[in-house]
Amino acid sequence: MVVEVGVDVARDSTGRWRHPARWHRARPDLTPGDTPPITPGPAI
């Protein structure tokens, strides 16, 4: 299952996310193979 989520990139001083990811909707029109791989962001 592929879902669409919204995230805020704000982090606290220890590098933890400040806000939770929020569910937007299911994407039945996509398969996991249709999505790009997740790449790590810059280290803080």
PDB file of N, CA and C in Angstrom:
ATOM      1  N   MET A   1       0.841  -1.169   0.000  1.00  0.00           N
ATOM      2  CA  MET A   1       0.000   0.000   0.000  1.00  0.00           C
ATOM      3  C   MET A   1       0.892   1.239   0.000  1.00  0.00           C
ATOM      4  N   VAL A   2       0.523   2.209  -0.798  1.00  0.00           N
ATOM      5  CA  VAL A   2       1.214   3.492  -0.834  1.00  0.00           C
ATOM      6  C   VAL A   2       0.291   4.532  -0.228  1.00  0.00           C
ATOM      7  N   VAL A   3       0.816   5.340   0.666  1.00  0.00           N
ATOM      8  CA  VAL A   3       0.034   6.417   1.264  1.00  0.00           C
ATOM      9  C   VAL A   3       0.778   7.732   1.105  1.00  0.00           C
ATOM     10  N   GLU A   4       0.036   8.801   1.115  1.00  0.00           N
ATOM     11  CA  GLU A   4       0.610  10.144   1.030  1.00  0.00           C
ATOM     12  C   GLU A   4       0.621  10.733   2.437  1.00  0.00           C
ATOM     13  N   VAL A   5       1.763  11.244   2.838  1.00  0.00           N
ATOM     14  CA  VAL A   5       1.896  11.848   4.161  1.00  0.00           C
ATOM     15  C   VAL A   5       2.497  13.236   4.031  1.00  0.00           C
ATOM     16  N   GLY A   6       2.269  14.048   5.026  1.00  0.00           N
ATOM     17  CA  GLY A   6       2.884  15.368   5.092  1.00  0.00           C
ATOM     18  C   GLY A   6       3.820  15.401   6.282  1.00  0.00           C
ATOM     19  N   VAL A   7       4.990  15.979   6.092  1.00  0.00           N
ATOM     20  CA  VAL A   7       5.954  16.081   7.189  1.00  0.00           C
ATOM     21  C   VAL A   7       6.537  17.481   7.247  1.00  0.00           C
ATOM     22  N   ASP A   8       6.942  17.868   8.433  1.00  0.00           N
ATOM     23  CA  ASP A   8       7.618  19.133   8.663  1.00  0.00           C
ATOM     24  C   ASP A   8       9.069  18.783   8.952  1.00  0.00           C
ATOM     25  N   VAL A   9       9.988  19.456   8.330  1.00  0.00           N
ATOM     26  CA  VAL A   9      11.398  19.099   8.485  1.00  0.00           C
ATOM     27  C   VAL A   9      12.055  19.698   9.731  1.00  0.00           C
ATOM     28  N   ALA A  10      11.285  20.375  10.573  1.00  0.00           N
ATOM     29  CA  ALA A  10      11.858  20.977  11.779  1.00  0.00           C
ATOM     30  C   ALA A  10      12.328  19.893  12.744  1.00  0.00           C
ATOM     31  N   ARG A  11      13.527  20.092  13.286  1.00  0.00           N
ATOM     32  CA  ARG A  11      14.091  19.172  14.283  1.00  0.00           C
ATOM     33  C   ARG A  11      14.513  19.959  15.514  1.00  0.00           C
ATOM     34  N   ASP A  12      14.549  19.253  16.639  1.00  0.00           N
ATOM     35  CA  ASP A  12      15.001  19.914  17.859  1.00  0.00           C
ATOM     36  C   ASP A  12      16.524  19.820  17.958  1.00  0.00           C
ATOM     37  N   SER A  13      17.087  20.286  19.053  1.00  0.00           N
ATOM     38  CA  SER A  13      18.546  20.348  19.188  1.00  0.00           C
ATOM     39  C   SER A  13      19.210  18.974  19.239  1.00  0.00           C
ATOM     40  N   THR A  14      18.445  17.921  19.518  1.00  0.00           N
ATOM     41  CA  THR A  14      19.014  16.573  19.541  1.00  0.00           C
ATOM     42  C   THR A  14      18.826  15.840  18.214  1.00  0.00           C
ATOM     43  N   GLY A  15      18.170  16.487  17.239  1.00  0.00           N
ATOM     44  CA  GLY A  15      17.971  15.877  15.928  1.00  0.00           C
ATOM     45  C   GLY A  15      16.656  15.144  15.766  1.00  0.00           C
ATOM     46  N   ARG A  16      15.816  15.152  16.801  1.00  0.00           N
ATOM     47  CA  ARG A  16      14.510  14.486  16.700  1.00  0.00           C
ATOM     48  C   ARG A  16      13.528  15.380  15.947  1.00  0.00           C
ATOM     49  N   TRP A  17      12.592  14.731  15.213  1.00  0.00           N
ATOM     50  CA  TRP A  17      11.553  15.489  14.517  1.00  0.00           C
ATOM     51  C   TRP A  17      10.696  16.212  15.542  1.00  0.00           C
ATOM     52  N   ARG A  18      10.356  17.459  15.284  1.00  0.00           N
ATOM     53  CA  ARG A  18       9.548  18.236  16.224  1.00  0.00           C
ATOM     54  C   ARG A  18       8.057  17.994  16.049  1.00  0.00           C
ATOM     55  N   HIS A  19       7.632  17.561  14.864  1.00  0.00           N
ATOM     56  CA  HIS A  19       6.207  17.365  14.590  1.00  0.00           C
ATOM     57  C   HIS A  19       6.000  15.993  13.950  1.00  0.00           C
ATOM     58  N   PRO A  20       4.890  15.331  14.264  1.00  0.00           N
ATOM     59  CA  PRO A  20       4.653  14.009  13.685  1.00  0.00           C
ATOM     60  C   PRO A  20       4.264  14.104  12.206  1.00  0.00           C
ATOM     61  N   ALA A  21       4.489  13.006  11.487  1.00  0.00           N
ATOM     62  CA  ALA A  21       4.008  12.916  10.108  1.00  0.00           C
ATOM     63  C   ALA A  21       2.481  12.834  10.155  1.00  0.00           C
ATOM     64  N   ARG A  22       1.835  13.386   9.134  1.00  0.00           N
ATOM     65  CA  ARG A  22       0.366  13.357   9.091  1.00  0.00           C
ATOM     66  C   ARG A  22      -0.106  12.635   7.846  1.00  0.00           C
ATOM     67  N   TRP A  23      -1.023  11.708   8.046  1.00  0.00           N
ATOM     68  CA  TRP A  23      -1.636  10.945   6.980  1.00  0.00           C
ATOM     69  C   TRP A  23      -2.484  11.872   6.116  1.00  0.00           C
ATOM     70  N   HIS A  24      -2.323  11.809   4.795  1.00  0.00           N
ATOM     71  CA  HIS A  24      -3.184  12.581   3.899  1.00  0.00           C
ATOM     72  C   HIS A  24      -4.204  11.688   3.212  1.00  0.00           C
ATOM     73  N   ARG A  25      -3.712  10.653   2.504  1.00  0.00           N
ATOM     74  CA  ARG A  25      -4.641   9.762   1.806  1.00  0.00           C
ATOM     75  C   ARG A  25      -3.922   8.522   1.313  1.00  0.00           C
ATOM     76  N   ALA A  26      -4.708   7.483   1.065  1.00  0.00           N
ATOM     77  CA  ALA A  26      -4.180   6.274   0.427  1.00  0.00           C
ATOM     78  C   ALA A  26      -4.026   6.561  -1.059  1.00  0.00           C
ATOM     79  N   ARG A  27      -3.060   5.928  -1.695  1.00  0.00           N
ATOM     80  CA  ARG A  27      -2.828   6.109  -3.133  1.00  0.00           C
ATOM     81  C   ARG A  27      -2.978   4.761  -3.845  1.00  0.00           C
ATOM     82  N   PRO A  28      -4.210   4.308  -4.057  1.00  0.00           N
ATOM     83  CA  PRO A  28      -4.417   3.005  -4.712  1.00  0.00           C
ATOM     84  C   PRO A  28      -3.953   2.997  -6.170  1.00  0.00           C
ATOM     85  N   ASP A  29      -3.701   4.182  -6.729  1.00  0.00           N
ATOM     86  CA  ASP A  29      -3.226   4.271  -8.111  1.00  0.00           C
ATOM     87  C   ASP A  29      -1.733   3.981  -8.244  1.00  0.00           C
ATOM     88  N   LEU A  30      -1.020   3.834  -7.100  1.00  0.00           N
ATOM     89  CA  LEU A  30       0.423   3.590  -7.108  1.00  0.00           C
ATOM     90  C   LEU A  30       0.754   2.270  -6.423  1.00  0.00           C
ATOM     91  N   THR A  31       1.882   1.700  -6.817  1.00  0.00           N
ATOM     92  CA  THR A  31       2.425   0.529  -6.127  1.00  0.00           C
ATOM     93  C   THR A  31       3.738   0.969  -5.480  1.00  0.00           C
ATOM     94  N   PRO A  32       4.258   0.227  -4.508  1.00  0.00           N
ATOM     95  CA  PRO A  32       5.545   0.607  -3.907  1.00  0.00           C
ATOM     96  C   PRO A  32       6.660   0.752  -4.953  1.00  0.00           C
ATOM     97  N   GLY A  33       6.620  -0.030  -6.015  1.00  0.00           N
ATOM     98  CA  GLY A  33       7.630   0.068  -7.056  1.00  0.00           C
ATOM     99  C   GLY A  33       7.560   1.364  -7.856  1.00  0.00           C
ATOM    100  N   ASP A  34       6.433   2.079  -7.788  1.00  0.00           N
ATOM    101  CA  ASP A  34       6.268   3.353  -8.499  1.00  0.00           C
ATOM    102  C   ASP A  34       6.896   4.527  -7.759  1.00  0.00           C
ATOM    103  N   THR A  35       7.278   4.320  -6.518  1.00  0.00           N
ATOM    104  CA  THR A  35       7.792   5.416  -5.703  1.00  0.00           C
ATOM    105  C   THR A  35       9.316   5.398  -5.646  1.00  0.00           C
ATOM    106  N   PRO A  36       9.942   6.568  -5.533  1.00  0.00           N
ATOM    107  CA  PRO A  36      11.401   6.587  -5.437  1.00  0.00           C
ATOM    108  C   PRO A  36      11.847   6.090  -4.062  1.00  0.00           C
ATOM    109  N   PRO A  37      13.055   5.545  -3.966  1.00  0.00           N
ATOM    110  CA  PRO A  37      13.547   5.102  -2.659  1.00  0.00           C
ATOM    111  C   PRO A  37      13.741   6.294  -1.721  1.00  0.00           C
ATOM    112  N   ILE A  38      13.608   6.058  -0.447  1.00  0.00           N
ATOM    113  CA  ILE A  38      13.819   7.097   0.556  1.00  0.00           C
ATOM    114  C   ILE A  38      15.321   7.256   0.763  1.00  0.00           C
ATOM    115  N   THR A  39      15.800   8.458   0.669  1.00  0.00           N
ATOM    116  CA  THR A  39      17.216   8.708   0.897  1.00  0.00           C
ATOM    117  C   THR A  39      17.376   9.530   2.176  1.00  0.00           C
ATOM    118  N   PRO A  40      18.388   9.239   2.953  1.00  0.00           N
ATOM    119  CA  PRO A  40      18.574   9.992   4.199  1.00  0.00           C
ATOM    120  C   PRO A  40      18.913  11.457   3.914  1.00  0.00           C
ATOM    121  N   GLY A  41      18.407  12.310   4.756  1.00  0.00           N
ATOM    122  CA  GLY A  41      18.718  13.734   4.650  1.00  0.00           C
ATOM    123  C   GLY A  41      20.056  14.035   5.304  1.00  0.00           C
ATOM    124  N   PRO A  42      20.411  15.300   5.338  1.00  0.00           N
ATOM    125  CA  PRO A  42      21.685  15.670   5.956  1.00  0.00           C
ATOM    126  C   PRO A  42      21.680  15.393   7.459  1.00  0.00           C
ATOM    127  N   ALA A  43      22.785  14.965   7.977  1.00  0.00           N
ATOM    128  CA  ALA A  43      22.911  14.722   9.415  1.00  0.00           C
ATOM    129  C   ALA A  43      23.021  16.056  10.137  1.00  0.00           C
ATOM    130  N   ILE A  44      22.439  16.104  11.312  1.00  0.00           N
ATOM    131  CA  ILE A  44      22.482  17.351  12.094  1.00  0.00           C
ATOM    132  C   ILE A  44      23.417  17.155  13.264  1.00  0.00           C
TER     133      ILE A  44
END
